[in-house]
C-alpha atoms as a PDB file:
ATOM      1  CA  ALA A   1     -98.527  49.155  74.985  1.00  0.00           C
ATOM      2  CA  ASN A   2     -97.116  45.707  75.777  1.00  0.00           C
ATOM      3  CA  ILE A   3    -100.608  44.576  76.808  1.00  0.00           C
ATOM      4  CA  ALA A   4    -101.891  45.826  73.451  1.00  0.00           C
ATOM      5  CA  ILE A   5     -99.188  43.819  71.631  1.00  0.00           C
ATOM      6  CA  SER A   6     -99.982  40.667  73.579  1.00  0.00           C
ATOM      7  CA  ASN A   7    -103.628  41.104  72.524  1.00  0.00           C
ATOM      8  CA  GLN A   8    -102.539  41.629  68.900  1.00  0.00           C
ATOM      9  CA  LEU A   9    -103.678  45.260  68.908  1.00  0.00           C
ATOM     10  CA  TYR A  10    -100.604  46.354  66.985  1.00  0.00           C
ATOM     11  CA  GLU A  11    -101.855  49.678  65.631  1.00  0.00           C
ATOM     12  CA  GLU A  12    -102.883  50.725  69.132  1.00  0.00           C
ATOM     13  CA  ALA A  13     -99.494  49.705  70.527  1.00  0.00           C
ATOM     14  CA  PHE A  14     -97.760  51.675  67.767  1.00  0.00           C
ATOM     15  CA  ALA A  15     -99.883  54.738  68.557  1.00  0.00           C
ATOM     16  CA  ILE A  16     -99.028  54.514  72.277  1.00  0.00           C
ATOM     17  CA  PHE A  17     -95.277  54.179  71.689  1.00  0.00           C
ATOM     18  CA  LYS A  18     -95.368  56.991  69.162  1.00  0.00           C
ATOM     19  CA  LYS A  19     -97.292  59.288  71.482  1.00  0.00           C
ATOM     20  CA  PHE A  20     -94.766  58.850  74.280  1.00  0.00           C
ATOM     21  CA  ASP A  21     -91.783  59.144  71.903  1.00  0.00           C
ATOM     22  CA  VAL A  22     -90.558  55.583  72.490  1.00  0.00           C
ATOM     23  CA  ASN A  23     -89.638  55.502  68.827  1.00  0.00           C
ATOM     24  CA  ALA A  24     -87.333  52.468  68.834  1.00  0.00           C
ATOM     25  CA  SER A  25     -90.155  50.342  70.247  1.00  0.00           C
ATOM     26  CA  ALA A  26     -92.666  51.939  67.882  1.00  0.00           C
ATOM     27  CA  ILE A  27     -90.690  50.970  64.790  1.00  0.00           C
ATOM     28  CA  GLN A  28     -90.186  47.496  66.229  1.00  0.00           C
ATOM     29  CA  VAL A  29     -93.970  47.051  66.224  1.00  0.00           C
ATOM     30  CA  LEU A  30     -94.138  48.125  62.570  1.00  0.00           C
ATOM     31  CA  ILE A  31     -91.357  45.738  61.593  1.00  0.00           C
ATOM     32  CA  GLU A  32     -92.086  42.659  63.680  1.00  0.00           C
ATOM     33  CA  ASN A  33     -95.846  42.772  64.146  1.00  0.00           C
ATOM     34  CA  VAL A  34     -97.333  44.826  61.320  1.00  0.00           C
ATOM     35  CA  ASN A  35     -94.643  43.569  58.890  1.00  0.00           C
ATOM     36  CA  ASN A  36     -94.711  46.754  56.860  1.00  0.00           C
ATOM     37  CA  LEU A  37     -91.209  48.000  55.989  1.00  0.00           C
ATOM     38  CA  ASP A  38     -92.523  50.873  53.865  1.00  0.00           C
ATOM     39  CA  ARG A  39     -94.383  52.341  56.825  1.00  0.00           C
ATOM     40  CA  ALA A  40     -91.369  51.697  59.026  1.00  0.00           C
ATOM     41  CA  TYR A  41     -89.222  53.629  56.550  1.00  0.00           C
ATOM     42  CA  GLU A  42     -91.630  56.594  56.532  1.00  0.00           C
ATOM     43  CA  PHE A  43     -91.665  56.568  60.323  1.00  0.00           C
ATOM     44  CA  ALA A  44     -87.848  56.482  60.486  1.00  0.00           C
ATOM     45  CA  GLU A  45     -87.700  59.414  58.052  1.00  0.00           C
ATOM     46  CA  ARG A  46     -90.034  61.390  60.310  1.00  0.00           C
ATOM     47  CA  CYS A  47     -88.296  60.873  63.638  1.00  0.00           C
ATOM     48  CA  ASN A  48     -84.746  60.461  62.222  1.00  0.00           C
ATOM     49  CA  GLU A  49     -83.113  58.839  65.273  1.00  0.00           C
ATOM     50  CA  PRO A  50     -80.049  56.570  65.003  1.00  0.00           C
ATOM     51  CA  ALA A  51     -81.665  53.798  67.080  1.00  0.00           C
ATOM     52  CA  VAL A  52     -84.713  53.812  64.788  1.00  0.00           C
ATOM     53  CA  TRP A  53     -82.610  53.682  61.614  1.00  0.00           C
ATOM     54  CA  SER A  54     -80.585  50.789  63.094  1.00  0.00           C
ATOM     55  CA  GLN A  55     -83.732  48.760  63.744  1.00  0.00           C
ATOM     56  CA  LEU A  56     -84.958  49.425  60.219  1.00  0.00           C
ATOM     57  CA  ALA A  57     -81.569  48.599  58.674  1.00  0.00           C
ATOM     58  CA  LYS A  58     -81.394  45.195  60.368  1.00  0.00           C
ATOM     59  CA  ALA A  59     -84.892  44.350  59.152  1.00  0.00           C
ATOM     60  CA  GLN A  60     -84.068  45.444  55.590  1.00  0.00           C
ATOM     61  CA  LEU A  61     -80.895  43.367  55.665  1.00  0.00           C
ATOM     62  CA  GLN A  62     -82.829  40.257  56.697  1.00  0.00           C
ATOM     63  CA  GLN A  63     -85.096  40.800  53.697  1.00  0.00           C
ATOM     64  CA  GLY A  64     -82.008  40.996  51.460  1.00  0.00           C
ATOM     65  CA  LEU A  65     -82.545  44.687  50.631  1.00  0.00           C
ATOM     66  CA  VAL A  66     -78.838  45.460  50.701  1.00  0.00           C
ATOM     67  CA  LYS A  67     -78.862  48.945  49.217  1.00  0.00           C
ATOM     68  CA  GLU A  68     -81.726  50.130  51.449  1.00  0.00           C
ATOM     69  CA  ALA A  69     -80.202  48.511  54.542  1.00  0.00           C
ATOM     70  CA  ILE A  70     -76.841  50.156  53.903  1.00  0.00           C
ATOM     71  CA  ASP A  71     -78.508  53.550  53.400  1.00  0.00           C
ATOM     72  CA  SER A  72     -80.237  53.080  56.765  1.00  0.00           C
ATOM     73  CA  PHE A  73     -77.069  51.909  58.538  1.00  0.00           C
ATOM     74  CA  ILE A  74     -75.225  54.965  57.225  1.00  0.00           C
ATOM     75  CA  LYS A  75     -78.004  57.250  58.487  1.00  0.00           C
ATOM     76  CA  ALA A  76     -77.788  55.479  61.852  1.00  0.00           C
ATOM     77  CA  ASP A  77     -73.980  55.756  61.745  1.00  0.00           C
ATOM     78  CA  ASP A  78     -73.986  52.186  63.053  1.00  0.00           C
ATOM     79  CA  PRO A  79     -71.189  49.800  61.991  1.00  0.00           C
ATOM     80  CA  SER A  80     -72.046  47.084  64.541  1.00  0.00           C
ATOM     81  CA  ALA A  81     -73.607  44.616  62.075  1.00  0.00           C
ATOM     82  CA  TYR A  82     -70.647  44.664  59.679  1.00  0.00           C
ATOM     83  CA  LEU A  83     -70.297  40.859  59.485  1.00  0.00           C
ATOM     84  CA  ASP A  84     -73.906  40.434  58.323  1.00  0.00           C
ATOM     85  CA  VAL A  85     -73.687  43.345  55.904  1.00  0.00           C
ATOM     86  CA  VAL A  86     -70.503  41.997  54.301  1.00  0.00           C
ATOM     87  CA  SER A  87     -71.807  38.442  53.908  1.00  0.00           C
ATOM     88  CA  THR A  88     -75.155  39.643  52.470  1.00  0.00           C
ATOM     89  CA  ALA A  89     -73.425  42.029  50.042  1.00  0.00           C
ATOM     90  CA  HIS A  90     -71.154  39.176  48.909  1.00  0.00           C
ATOM     91  CA  ARG A  91     -74.187  37.026  48.191  1.00  0.00           C
ATOM     92  CA  THR A  92     -76.063  39.716  46.281  1.00  0.00           C
ATOM     93  CA  GLY A  93     -73.037  41.376  44.659  1.00  0.00           C
ATOM     94  CA  GLY A  94     -73.823  44.840  46.066  1.00  0.00           C
ATOM     95  CA  TRP A  95     -70.201  45.979  45.961  1.00  0.00           C
ATOM     96  CA  GLU A  96     -70.771  49.707  45.352  1.00  0.00           C
ATOM     97  CA  ASP A  97     -73.052  49.942  48.388  1.00  0.00           C
ATOM     98  CA  LEU A  98     -70.662  47.859  50.454  1.00  0.00           C
ATOM     99  CA  VAL A  99     -67.866  50.359  49.744  1.00  0.00           C
ATOM    100  CA  ARG A 100     -70.024  53.174  51.138  1.00  0.00           C
ATOM    101  CA  TYR A 101     -70.918  51.150  54.220  1.00  0.00           C
ATOM    102  CA  LEU A 102     -67.348  50.086  54.977  1.00  0.00           C
ATOM    103  CA  GLN A 103     -66.074  53.644  54.546  1.00  0.00           C
ATOM    104  CA  MET A 104     -68.534  54.677  57.269  1.00  0.00           C
ATOM    105  CA  ALA A 105     -67.658  51.655  59.426  1.00  0.00           C
ATOM    106  CA  ARG A 106     -63.943  52.342  59.124  1.00  0.00           C
ATOM    107  CA  LYS A 107     -64.355  55.834  60.582  1.00  0.00           C
ATOM    108  CA  LYS A 108     -65.972  54.226  63.630  1.00  0.00           C
ATOM    109  CA  ALA A 109     -63.961  51.044  64.125  1.00  0.00           C
ATOM    110  CA  ARG A 110     -60.407  50.337  62.985  1.00  0.00           C
ATOM    111  CA  GLU A 111     -61.004  46.599  62.564  1.00  0.00           C
ATOM    112  CA  SER A 112     -58.691  44.515  60.377  1.00  0.00           C
ATOM    113  CA  PHE A 113     -61.737  42.718  58.921  1.00  0.00           C
ATOM    114  CA  ILE A 114     -63.458  45.980  57.925  1.00  0.00           C
ATOM    115  CA  GLU A 115     -60.335  47.385  56.274  1.00  0.00           C
ATOM    116  CA  SER A 116     -59.564  44.127  54.456  1.00  0.00           C
ATOM    117  CA  GLU A 117     -63.113  43.888  53.122  1.00  0.00           C
ATOM    118  CA  LEU A 118     -62.988  47.529  52.030  1.00  0.00           C
ATOM    119  CA  ILE A 119     -59.879  46.787  49.942  1.00  0.00           C
ATOM    120  CA  TYR A 120     -61.622  43.776  48.406  1.00  0.00           C
ATOM    121  CA  ALA A 121     -64.729  45.854  47.649  1.00  0.00           C
ATOM    122  CA  TYR A 122     -62.517  48.501  45.990  1.00  0.00           C
ATOM    123  CA  ALA A 123     -61.017  45.732  43.852  1.00  0.00           C
ATOM    124  CA  ARG A 124     -64.474  44.411  42.966  1.00  0.00           C
ATOM    125  CA  THR A 125     -65.674  47.854  41.887  1.00  0.00           C
ATOM    126  CA  ASN A 126     -62.391  48.429  40.015  1.00  0.00           C
ATOM    127  CA  ARG A 127     -61.603  51.556  42.051  1.00  0.00           C
ATOM    128  CA  LEU A 128     -57.872  50.997  41.813  1.00  0.00           C
ATOM    129  CA  ALA A 129     -56.881  54.600  42.569  1.00  0.00           C
ATOM    130  CA  ASP A 130     -58.809  54.458  45.875  1.00  0.00           C
ATOM    131  CA  LEU A 131     -57.305  51.060  46.614  1.00  0.00           C
ATOM    132  CA  GLU A 132     -53.779  52.309  45.982  1.00  0.00           C
ATOM    133  CA  GLU A 133     -54.304  55.377  48.147  1.00  0.00           C
ATOM    134  CA  PHE A 134     -55.764  53.226  50.934  1.00  0.00           C
ATOM    135  CA  ILE A 135     -52.876  50.748  51.126  1.00  0.00           C
ATOM    136  CA  ALA A 136     -50.309  53.548  50.870  1.00  0.00           C
ATOM    137  CA  GLY A 137     -51.614  55.004  54.147  1.00  0.00           C
ATOM    138  CA  PRO A 138     -51.532  53.367  57.594  1.00  0.00           C
ATOM    139  CA  ASN A 139     -54.045  50.513  57.832  1.00  0.00           C
ATOM    140  CA  HIS A 140     -54.726  47.236  59.643  1.00  0.00           C
ATOM    141  CA  ALA A 141     -55.782  45.224  56.605  1.00  0.00           C
ATOM    142  CA  ASP A 142     -54.522  41.718  55.845  1.00  0.00           C
ATOM    143  CA  ILE A 143     -53.177  42.766  52.455  1.00  0.00           C
ATOM    144  CA  GLN A 144     -51.521  39.444  51.602  1.00  0.00           C
ATOM    145  CA  ARG A 145     -54.783  37.520  52.111  1.00  0.00           C
ATOM    146  CA  ILE A 146     -56.833  39.990  50.057  1.00  0.00           C
ATOM    147  CA  GLY A 147     -54.161  39.835  47.338  1.00  0.00           C
ATOM    148  CA  ASP A 148     -54.594  36.052  47.230  1.00  0.00           C
ATOM    149  CA  ARG A 149     -58.376  36.440  47.050  1.00  0.00           C
ATOM    150  CA  CYS A 150     -58.126  38.904  44.164  1.00  0.00           C
ATOM    151  CA  TYR A 151     -55.679  36.592  42.388  1.00  0.00           C
ATOM    152  CA  ASP A 152     -57.949  33.561  42.863  1.00  0.00           C
ATOM    153  CA  ASP A 153     -60.899  35.573  41.500  1.00  0.00           C
ATOM    154  CA  GLY A 154     -58.887  36.548  38.417  1.00  0.00           C
ATOM    155  CA  MET A 155     -58.596  40.234  39.394  1.00  0.00           C
ATOM    156  CA  TYR A 156     -54.931  40.562  38.526  1.00  0.00           C
ATOM    157  CA  GLU A 157     -54.618  44.373  38.471  1.00  0.00           C
ATOM    158  CA  PRO A 158     -55.601  44.818  42.142  1.00  0.00           C
ATOM    159  CA  ALA A 159     -53.608  41.690  43.054  1.00  0.00           C
ATOM    160  CA  LYS A 160     -50.552  43.295  41.444  1.00  0.00           C
ATOM    161  CA  LEU A 161     -50.943  46.437  43.597  1.00  0.00           C
ATOM    162  CA  LEU A 162     -51.430  44.391  46.773  1.00  0.00           C
ATOM    163  CA  TYR A 163     -48.518  41.977  46.254  1.00  0.00           C
ATOM    164  CA  ASN A 164     -46.308  44.913  45.380  1.00  0.00           C
ATOM    165  CA  ASN A 165     -47.338  46.610  48.625  1.00  0.00           C
ATOM    166  CA  VAL A 166     -46.284  43.626  50.782  1.00  0.00           C
ATOM    167  CA  SER A 167     -43.218  42.864  48.604  1.00  0.00           C
ATOM    168  CA  ASN A 168     -44.385  39.337  47.807  1.00  0.00           C
ATOM    169  CA  PHE A 169     -42.347  39.157  44.614  1.00  0.00           C
ATOM    170  CA  ALA A 170     -42.976  35.476  43.916  1.00  0.00           C
ATOM    171  CA  ARG A 171     -46.755  36.007  43.698  1.00  0.00           C
ATOM    172  CA  LEU A 172     -46.258  39.356  41.963  1.00  0.00           C
ATOM    173  CA  ALA A 173     -44.238  37.678  39.210  1.00  0.00           C
ATOM    174  CA  ILE A 174     -47.007  35.149  38.501  1.00  0.00           C
ATOM    175  CA  THR A 175     -49.650  37.904  38.581  1.00  0.00           C
ATOM    176  CA  LEU A 176     -47.679  39.935  36.028  1.00  0.00           C
ATOM    177  CA  VAL A 177     -47.491  36.852  33.801  1.00  0.00           C
ATOM    178  CA  HIS A 178     -51.307  36.771  33.759  1.00  0.00           C
ATOM    179  CA  LEU A 179     -51.306  40.462  32.846  1.00  0.00           C
ATOM    180  CA  LYS A 180     -48.864  39.662  30.004  1.00  0.00           C
ATOM    181  CA  GLU A 181     -46.300  42.036  31.569  1.00  0.00           C
ATOM    182  CA  PHE A 182     -43.394  39.664  31.023  1.00  0.00           C
ATOM    183  CA  GLN A 183     -40.539  42.113  31.548  1.00  0.00           C
ATOM    184  CA  GLY A 184     -42.002  43.067  34.938  1.00  0.00           C
ATOM    185  CA  ALA A 185     -42.492  39.388  35.761  1.00  0.00           C
ATOM    186  CA  VAL A 186     -38.808  38.674  35.086  1.00  0.00           C
ATOM    187  CA  ASP A 187     -37.774  41.618  37.289  1.00  0.00           C
ATOM    188  CA  SER A 188     -40.028  40.342  40.099  1.00  0.00           C
ATOM    189  CA  ALA A 189     -38.704  36.809  39.702  1.00  0.00           C
ATOM    190  CA  ARG A 190     -35.200  38.224  40.107  1.00  0.00           C
ATOM    191  CA  LYS A 191     -36.250  39.817  43.414  1.00  0.00           C
ATOM    192  CA  ALA A 192     -38.023  36.650  44.564  1.00  0.00           C
ATOM    193  CA  ASN A 193     -35.058  34.540  43.433  1.00  0.00           C
ATOM    194  CA  SER A 194     -36.695  31.145  43.904  1.00  0.00           C
ATOM    195  CA  THR A 195     -36.299  28.365  41.346  1.00  0.00           C
ATOM    196  CA  ARG A 196     -40.034  27.694  41.330  1.00  0.00           C
ATOM    197  CA  THR A 197     -40.818  31.306  40.396  1.00  0.00           C
ATOM    198  CA  TRP A 198     -38.115  31.321  37.717  1.00  0.00           C
ATOM    199  CA  LYS A 199     -39.663  28.187  36.211  1.00  0.00           C
ATOM    200  CA  GLU A 200     -43.221  29.534  36.217  1.00  0.00           C
ATOM    201  CA  VAL A 201     -42.165  32.797  34.573  1.00  0.00           C
ATOM    202  CA  CYS A 202     -39.838  31.037  32.126  1.00  0.00           C
ATOM    203  CA  PHE A 203     -42.518  28.591  30.943  1.00  0.00           C
ATOM    204  CA  ALA A 204     -45.054  31.414  30.591  1.00  0.00           C
ATOM    205  CA  CYS A 205     -42.561  33.365  28.460  1.00  0.00           C
ATOM    206  CA  VAL A 206     -41.970  30.283  26.283  1.00  0.00           C
ATOM    207  CA  ASP A 207     -45.736  29.834  25.821  1.00  0.00           C
ATOM    208  CA  ASN A 208     -45.968  33.444  24.671  1.00  0.00           C
ATOM    209  CA  LYS A 209     -42.851  33.146  22.465  1.00  0.00           C
ATOM    210  CA  GLU A 210     -40.931  35.710  24.555  1.00  0.00           C
ATOM    211  CA  PHE A 211     -37.703  33.776  24.092  1.00  0.00           C
ATOM    212  CA  ARG A 212     -35.293  36.530  25.110  1.00  0.00           C
ATOM    213  CA  LEU A 213     -36.990  36.834  28.503  1.00  0.00           C
ATOM    214  CA  ALA A 214     -37.423  33.062  28.757  1.00  0.00           C
ATOM    215  CA  GLN A 215     -33.662  32.720  28.319  1.00  0.00           C
ATOM    216  CA  MET A 216     -33.008  35.237  31.112  1.00  0.00           C
ATOM    217  CA  CYS A 217     -35.108  33.039  33.402  1.00  0.00           C
ATOM    218  CA  GLY A 218     -33.708  29.806  31.997  1.00  0.00           C
ATOM    219  CA  LEU A 219     -30.146  30.742  32.941  1.00  0.00           C
ATOM    220  CA  HIS A 220     -31.235  30.643  36.597  1.00  0.00           C
ATOM    221  CA  ILE A 221     -32.832  27.213  36.152  1.00  0.00           C
ATOM    222  CA  VAL A 222     -30.305  25.173  34.142  1.00  0.00           C
ATOM    223  CA  VAL A 223     -27.618  25.556  36.819  1.00  0.00           C
ATOM    224  CA  HIS A 224     -29.752  23.259  39.024  1.00  0.00           C
ATOM    225  CA  ALA A 225     -29.047  19.767  37.709  1.00  0.00           C
ATOM    226  CA  ASP A 226     -32.385  18.398  38.969  1.00  0.00           C
ATOM    227  CA  GLU A 227     -34.390  21.106  37.143  1.00  0.00           C
ATOM    228  CA  LEU A 228     -32.593  20.767  33.810  1.00  0.00           C
ATOM    229  CA  GLU A 229     -34.674  17.887  32.448  1.00  0.00           C
ATOM    230  CA  ASP A 230     -38.005  19.677  33.061  1.00  0.00           C
ATOM    231  CA  LEU A 231     -36.788  22.727  31.197  1.00  0.00           C
ATOM    232  CA  ILE A 232     -35.422  20.760  28.236  1.00  0.00           C
ATOM    233  CA  ASN A 233     -38.642  18.750  27.934  1.00  0.00           C
ATOM    234  CA  TYR A 234     -40.743  21.922  28.057  1.00  0.00           C
ATOM    235  CA  TYR A 235     -38.883  23.459  25.118  1.00  0.00           C
ATOM    236  CA  GLN A 236     -38.618  20.200  23.163  1.00  0.00           C
ATOM    237  CA  ASP A 237     -42.290  19.253  23.542  1.00  0.00           C
ATOM    238  CA  ARG A 238     -43.197  22.571  21.919  1.00  0.00           C
ATOM    239  CA  GLY A 239     -40.631  22.215  19.156  1.00  0.00           C
ATOM    240  CA  TYR A 240     -38.385  25.135  20.196  1.00  0.00           C
ATOM    241  CA  PHE A 241     -35.058  23.338  19.603  1.00  0.00           C
ATOM    242  CA  GLU A 242     -33.181  26.355  18.272  1.00  0.00           C
ATOM    243  CA  GLU A 243     -34.115  28.468  21.313  1.00  0.00           C
ATOM    244  CA  LEU A 244     -33.201  25.658  23.696  1.00  0.00           C
ATOM    245  CA  ILE A 245     -29.762  25.254  22.116  1.00  0.00           C
ATOM    246  CA  ASN A 246     -29.217  29.030  22.323  1.00  0.00           C
ATOM    247  CA  LEU A 247     -30.139  28.944  26.013  1.00  0.00           C
ATOM    248  CA  LEU A 248     -27.726  26.125  26.843  1.00  0.00           C
ATOM    249  CA  GLU A 249     -24.938  27.702  24.783  1.00  0.00           C
ATOM    250  CA  ALA A 250     -25.387  30.926  26.742  1.00  0.00           C
ATOM    251  CA  ALA A 251     -25.355  28.979  30.012  1.00  0.00           C
ATOM    252  CA  LEU A 252     -22.039  27.175  29.431  1.00  0.00           C
ATOM    253  CA  GLY A 253     -20.126  30.279  30.463  1.00  0.00           C
ATOM    254  CA  LEU A 254     -21.803  30.448  33.893  1.00  0.00           C
ATOM    255  CA  GLU A 255     -19.582  29.646  36.844  1.00  0.00           C
ATOM    256  CA  ARG A 256     -22.182  27.148  38.110  1.00  0.00           C
ATOM    257  CA  ALA A 257     -22.218  25.248  34.800  1.00  0.00           C
ATOM    258  CA  HIS A 258     -22.280  21.495  35.490  1.00  0.00           C
ATOM    259  CA  MET A 259     -21.758  18.237  33.612  1.00  0.00           C
ATOM    260  CA  GLY A 260     -25.486  17.813  32.858  1.00  0.00           C
ATOM    261  CA  MET A 261     -25.539  21.007  30.786  1.00  0.00           C
ATOM    262  CA  PHE A 262     -22.564  20.015  28.609  1.00  0.00           C
ATOM    263  CA  THR A 263     -23.982  16.515  28.181  1.00  0.00           C
ATOM    264  CA  GLU A 264     -27.505  17.637  27.242  1.00  0.00           C
ATOM    265  CA  LEU A 265     -26.170  20.219  24.788  1.00  0.00           C
ATOM    266  CA  GLY A 266     -24.065  17.501  23.148  1.00  0.00           C
ATOM    267  CA  ILE A 267     -27.152  15.280  22.836  1.00  0.00           C
ATOM    268  CA  LEU A 268     -29.171  18.163  21.345  1.00  0.00           C
ATOM    269  CA  TYR A 269     -26.396  18.805  18.801  1.00  0.00           C
ATOM    270  CA  SER A 270     -26.448  15.128  17.823  1.00  0.00           C
ATOM    271  CA  LYS A 271     -30.196  15.400  17.089  1.00  0.00           C
ATOM    272  CA  TYR A 272     -30.589  18.849  15.581  1.00  0.00           C
ATOM    273  CA  LYS A 273     -27.163  20.296  14.700  1.00  0.00           C
ATOM    274  CA  PRO A 274     -24.792  17.388  14.042  1.00  0.00           C
ATOM    275  CA  GLU A 275     -22.274  19.714  12.374  1.00  0.00           C
ATOM    276  CA  LYS A 276     -21.609  21.382  15.746  1.00  0.00           C
ATOM    277  CA  MET A 277     -21.180  18.156  17.687  1.00  0.00           C
ATOM    278  CA  ARG A 278     -17.507  17.541  16.865  1.00  0.00           C
ATOM    279  CA  GLU A 279     -16.347  20.998  17.963  1.00  0.00           C
ATOM    280  CA  HIS A 280     -18.372  20.724  21.178  1.00  0.00           C
ATOM    281  CA  LEU A 281     -16.749  17.394  22.056  1.00  0.00           C
ATOM    282  CA  GLU A 282     -13.235  18.584  21.235  1.00  0.00           C
ATOM    283  CA  LEU A 283     -13.685  21.536  23.586  1.00  0.00           C
ATOM    284  CA  PHE A 284     -15.584  19.869  26.405  1.00  0.00           C
ATOM    285  CA  TRP A 285     -14.979  16.098  26.185  1.00  0.00           C
ATOM    286  CA  SER A 286     -13.742  16.130  29.778  1.00  0.00           C
ATOM    287  CA  ARG A 287     -16.991  17.712  31.025  1.00  0.00           C
ATOM    288  CA  VAL A 288     -19.599  15.482  29.387  1.00  0.00           C
ATOM    289  CA  ASN A 289     -21.096  12.212  30.565  1.00  0.00           C
ATOM    290  CA  ILE A 290     -19.361  10.082  27.902  1.00  0.00           C
ATOM    291  CA  PRO A 291     -21.632   6.965  27.971  1.00  0.00           C
ATOM    292  CA  LYS A 292     -24.731   9.149  27.503  1.00  0.00           C
ATOM    293  CA  VAL A 293     -23.225  11.113  24.616  1.00  0.00           C
ATOM    294  CA  LEU A 294     -21.921   7.881  23.030  1.00  0.00           C
ATOM    295  CA  ARG A 295     -25.457   6.493  22.940  1.00  0.00           C
ATOM    296  CA  ALA A 296     -26.761   9.724  21.377  1.00  0.00           C
ATOM    297  CA  ALA A 297     -23.989   9.740  18.745  1.00  0.00           C
ATOM    298  CA  GLU A 298     -24.714   6.106  17.923  1.00  0.00           C
ATOM    299  CA  GLN A 299     -28.449   6.785  17.477  1.00  0.00           C
ATOM    300  CA  ALA A 300     -27.630   9.717  15.192  1.00  0.00           C
ATOM    301  CA  HIS A 301     -25.058   7.640  13.219  1.00  0.00           C
ATOM    302  CA  LEU A 302     -22.302  10.187  13.923  1.00  0.00           C
ATOM    303  CA  TRP A 303     -19.448   7.704  13.476  1.00  0.00           C
ATOM    304  CA  ALA A 304     -16.584  10.210  13.449  1.00  0.00           C
ATOM    305  CA  GLU A 305     -17.727  11.588  16.806  1.00  0.00           C
ATOM    306  CA  LEU A 306     -18.091   8.054  18.176  1.00  0.00           C
ATOM    307  CA  VAL A 307     -14.528   7.252  17.187  1.00  0.00           C
ATOM    308  CA  PHE A 308     -13.330  10.519  18.751  1.00  0.00           C
ATOM    309  CA  LEU A 309     -14.914   9.628  22.102  1.00  0.00           C
END
């Protein structure tokens, strides 16, 4: 048979291999020499051997026939080429077929890569119930990384399930903001308890006019003197003076209240609620930065308050 191949007598070589049941070599002739995948497929159907299906699957994959290749790999029960299958399916967008392939591959090999890609394929095909069931059971997947990939691709529902699974509350909070689930985002921010997360959730709530929730977040931000200015500017730039004043008034009672908060509230009163300025100064004159408030009172022409200070 090999002599026949070297003399380009491919049909004869195929006939010899077929006669002596060397089917893997026979299909190789059809694929590599005769270049006829349809005949190769018919031949594989007839002899139905795993090695034959594997050969056919690899050839189909090279031609970019993802669905056909995956069907053949599943018939061969052969997960060995999983890297090629995954990268080709990513290129062609054959997510449904990829799910079937990876389910087969997972039964054979408990690889972290296979399980991670299966989760991602579930997310891509929007099979969230399967995804949830999968991550609830024992697995070797890199859930955090797949969560980040889903988030980056704008698939926030699966990202929410994945971040929740690994208790990454900071990322979960931001994901919930994208899903417009602000109450959940505030609860996650509380669990994450980092100033950066509080700020991201707070600003998102302000943008969506969820001022009650924004205030809950804001109370955790204003107690940090270096974060106060950012927060005040964010509210002021959008014209939410009333809400900002309410937030600072609520924050004065906190045990971590600091001079910056009393000072900034005094300055806000001088601009937007001059009638409240006098009372504020009488109560808290010892806790404000007097030169700063003096300048604000002067700009607002609040002479009585100036004299008081």
